[in-house]
Amino acid sequence: MNQSRPAIHPIEAPPIPDPTPPGVAANNNNNQNLPWMKDVQGMPGTPGGLALRVLQFMFAVAALCVMVTTNDFTSVTAFCYLVAVVILQSFWSLSLAFVDVYALLVGRCLRNPRVVFLFTIGDGITSTLTFAAACASAGITVLIGNDIGNCAQNHCTKFETATAMTFLSWFAVSPSFLLNFWSLASR
């Protein structure tokens, strides 16, 4: 009986790619053999990351401007909390936007574990605070508008607009946090 016998044909292994990203000089420490993660748009130091930071800043400033134009926002604690949080969010987003602009202009990658850890913690804190402020303000606007029916004396439209802008700012900061956390966890 003729049986087929397996033949072993050696296959040449592909060359190992250089783990150093283009434009970065290789160093001679132990990290030289570690593979680099690709730049995902939205991570720090990418044009997508800069766009997210600018959106976060714009929505936070819009919420702040709309809320401050009302004269009675200080009478409700949730609205005062919203103003404080969007001020914090706007400073955080603006400072990281400057870091992203610098990284893009100089051509640096922001994959240092300490830097990514700092960005992750900051984004996590501001994301949580922004979401809490938006939810608290949404609850108060629903209370004023629907339950009490006192929109004639209050600025319900402005309160709702500021709350919506705060939610949009949270929607813009959440991808930044998730991408930074993913980058930190995949190390």
Protein backbone atom coordinates (compact mmCIF):
# COMPACT_ATOMS: atom_id res chain seq x y z
CA MET A 1 0.00 0.00 0.00
CA ASN A 2 1.36 3.41 -0.98
CA GLN A 3 1.14 5.81 1.89
CA SER A 4 2.05 9.39 1.73
CA ARG A 5 4.78 10.39 4.10
CA PRO A 6 5.04 13.91 5.35
CA ALA A 7 7.95 15.86 4.08
CA ILE A 8 9.48 18.58 6.17
CA HIS A 9 10.40 21.65 4.23
CA PRO A 10 12.22 24.25 6.28
CA ILE A 11 10.70 27.69 6.08
CA GLU A 12 12.84 30.68 6.72
CA ALA A 13 11.59 32.82 9.61
CA PRO A 14 10.82 36.42 8.77
CA PRO A 15 13.28 38.99 10.11
CA ILE A 16 12.49 40.50 13.49
CA PRO A 17 11.33 44.10 12.99
CA ASP A 18 13.08 46.93 14.76
CA PRO A 19 10.95 47.81 17.84
CA THR A 20 12.07 51.43 17.73
CA PRO A 21 9.46 53.72 16.17
CA PRO A 22 10.60 55.84 13.24
CA GLY A 23 12.36 59.02 14.26
CA VAL A 24 13.37 57.74 17.71
CA ALA A 25 16.95 56.80 18.43
CA ALA A 26 17.44 53.29 19.79
CA ASN A 27 18.85 53.03 23.29
CA ASN A 28 20.82 50.14 24.68
CA ASN A 29 18.72 49.30 27.72
CA ASN A 30 16.48 46.29 28.30
CA ASN A 31 13.42 47.95 26.75
CA GLN A 32 14.96 47.76 23.29
CA ASN A 33 13.33 44.40 22.49
CA LEU A 34 9.82 45.40 23.57
CA PRO A 35 7.33 45.95 20.75
CA TRP A 36 5.79 49.41 20.45
CA MET A 37 2.06 49.82 20.39
CA LYS A 38 0.70 51.60 17.35
CA ASP A 39 -0.55 55.14 17.72
CA VAL A 40 -4.31 54.92 18.00
CA GLN A 41 -6.09 58.15 17.16
CA GLY A 42 -7.36 59.63 20.41
CA MET A 43 -4.30 58.73 22.45
CA PRO A 44 -2.06 61.53 23.76
CA GLY A 45 0.27 62.99 21.17
CA THR A 46 -1.94 62.15 18.17
CA PRO A 47 -4.14 64.48 16.11
CA GLY A 48 -7.19 62.56 17.34
CA GLY A 49 -6.12 63.09 20.94
CA LEU A 50 -5.72 66.79 20.30
CA ALA A 51 -9.18 66.91 18.71
CA LEU A 52 -10.71 65.19 21.76
CA ARG A 53 -8.97 67.65 24.11
CA VAL A 54 -10.20 70.63 22.10
CA LEU A 55 -13.76 69.25 22.12
CA GLN A 56 -13.59 68.68 25.87
CA PHE A 57 -12.40 72.23 26.38
CA MET A 58 -14.98 73.79 24.04
CA PHE A 59 -17.94 71.97 25.59
CA ALA A 60 -16.76 72.72 29.14
CA VAL A 61 -16.29 76.41 28.37
CA ALA A 62 -19.68 76.53 26.63
CA ALA A 63 -21.34 74.99 29.70
CA LEU A 64 -19.51 77.46 31.94
CA CYS A 65 -20.48 80.48 29.84
CA VAL A 66 -24.13 79.47 29.62
CA MET A 67 -24.38 78.73 33.34
CA VAL A 68 -22.63 81.93 34.41
CA THR A 69 -24.96 84.08 32.28
CA THR A 70 -27.81 83.15 34.59
CA ASN A 71 -28.08 85.22 37.74
CA ASP A 72 -29.58 82.54 39.99
CA PHE A 73 -27.35 79.50 39.44
CA THR A 74 -25.69 80.11 42.81
CA SER A 75 -28.95 79.31 44.62
CA VAL A 76 -28.69 75.61 43.64
CA THR A 77 -25.77 73.54 44.90
CA ALA A 78 -25.79 71.20 41.90
CA PHE A 79 -25.32 74.13 39.53
CA CYS A 80 -22.46 75.51 41.63
CA TYR A 81 -20.89 72.03 41.51
CA LEU A 82 -21.34 71.99 37.72
CA VAL A 83 -19.56 75.34 37.40
CA ALA A 84 -16.67 74.16 39.57
CA VAL A 85 -16.33 70.91 37.64
CA VAL A 86 -16.41 72.49 34.18
CA ILE A 87 -13.74 74.97 35.31
CA LEU A 88 -11.57 72.02 36.39
CA GLN A 89 -12.37 70.17 33.15
CA SER A 90 -11.51 73.17 31.00
CA PHE A 91 -8.14 73.70 32.74
CA TRP A 92 -7.28 69.99 32.50
CA SER A 93 -8.28 69.73 28.85
CA LEU A 94 -6.51 72.95 27.87
CA SER A 95 -3.28 71.95 29.59
CA LEU A 96 -3.28 68.53 27.93
CA ALA A 97 -4.15 70.12 24.58
CA PHE A 98 -0.97 72.20 24.93
CA VAL A 99 0.98 69.01 25.69
CA ASP A 100 -0.53 67.35 22.61
CA VAL A 101 0.32 70.34 20.42
CA TYR A 102 3.90 70.28 21.71
CA ALA A 103 4.18 66.53 21.10
CA LEU A 104 2.83 66.89 17.58
CA LEU A 105 5.08 69.83 16.69
CA VAL A 106 8.23 68.23 18.09
CA GLY A 107 7.37 64.72 16.97
CA ARG A 108 7.49 63.10 20.40
CA CYS A 109 5.46 60.12 21.43
CA LEU A 110 3.78 60.25 24.81
CA ARG A 111 4.08 56.60 25.76
CA ASN A 112 6.11 57.03 28.91
CA PRO A 113 4.36 54.86 31.55
CA ARG A 114 4.46 57.64 34.13
CA VAL A 115 2.98 60.18 31.74
CA VAL A 116 0.26 57.76 30.60
CA PHE A 117 -0.49 56.94 34.25
CA LEU A 118 -0.85 60.66 35.05
CA PHE A 119 -3.12 61.20 32.04
CA THR A 120 -5.21 58.15 32.98
CA ILE A 121 -5.69 59.23 36.58
CA GLY A 122 -6.49 62.82 35.60
CA ASP A 123 -8.92 61.77 32.88
CA GLY A 124 -10.58 59.28 35.23
CA ILE A 125 -11.09 61.88 37.94
CA THR A 126 -12.33 64.62 35.61
CA SER A 127 -14.54 62.15 33.74
CA THR A 128 -16.20 60.98 36.93
CA LEU A 129 -16.67 64.49 38.28
CA THR A 130 -18.04 65.77 34.98
CA PHE A 131 -20.53 62.92 34.70
CA ALA A 132 -21.66 63.42 38.31
CA ALA A 133 -22.12 67.17 37.79
CA ALA A 134 -24.08 66.62 34.58
CA CYS A 135 -26.35 64.06 36.23
CA ALA A 136 -26.95 66.25 39.28
CA SER A 137 -27.77 69.24 37.11
CA ALA A 138 -30.03 67.16 34.89
CA GLY A 139 -31.93 66.05 37.97
CA ILE A 140 -32.40 69.62 39.14
CA THR A 141 -33.50 70.84 35.71
CA VAL A 142 -36.08 68.05 35.53
CA LEU A 143 -37.25 68.94 39.04
CA ILE A 144 -37.60 72.63 38.19
CA GLY A 145 -39.13 72.11 34.75
CA ASN A 146 -41.40 69.10 35.07
CA ASP A 147 -42.14 68.54 38.74
CA ILE A 148 -42.37 72.06 40.11
CA GLY A 149 -43.34 73.70 36.82
CA ASN A 150 -41.41 76.82 37.70
CA CYS A 151 -39.67 77.51 34.39
CA ALA A 152 -41.29 80.91 34.05
CA GLN A 153 -39.23 82.29 36.95
CA ASN A 154 -36.06 80.25 36.30
CA HIS A 155 -33.76 79.92 33.33
CA CYS A 156 -34.69 76.34 32.43
CA THR A 157 -33.45 76.58 28.85
CA LYS A 158 -30.04 77.84 29.96
CA PHE A 159 -29.81 75.21 32.69
CA GLU A 160 -30.69 72.47 30.20
CA THR A 161 -28.19 73.82 27.66
CA ALA A 162 -25.39 73.93 30.23
CA THR A 163 -26.26 70.41 31.35
CA ALA A 164 -26.22 69.17 27.75
CA MET A 165 -22.84 70.81 27.14
CA THR A 166 -21.50 69.12 30.27
CA PHE A 167 -22.71 65.74 29.03
CA LEU A 168 -21.04 66.41 25.66
CA SER A 169 -17.82 67.28 27.47
CA TRP A 170 -18.09 63.97 29.33
CA PHE A 171 -18.66 62.15 26.03
CA ALA A 172 -15.44 63.72 24.74
CA VAL A 173 -13.36 62.91 27.84
CA SER A 174 -14.49 59.29 28.10
CA PRO A 175 -12.62 58.07 24.99
CA SER A 176 -9.48 59.81 26.24
CA PHE A 177 -9.74 58.01 29.55
CA LEU A 178 -10.51 54.64 27.99
CA LEU A 179 -7.65 54.87 25.46
CA ASN A 180 -5.18 55.95 28.14
CA PHE A 181 -6.35 53.18 30.44
CA TRP A 182 -6.08 50.66 27.61
CA SER A 183 -2.59 51.88 26.77
CA LEU A 184 -1.57 51.60 30.42
CA ALA A 185 -3.11 48.16 30.83
CA SER A 186 -1.61 46.76 27.63
CA ARG A 187 1.92 47.56 28.72
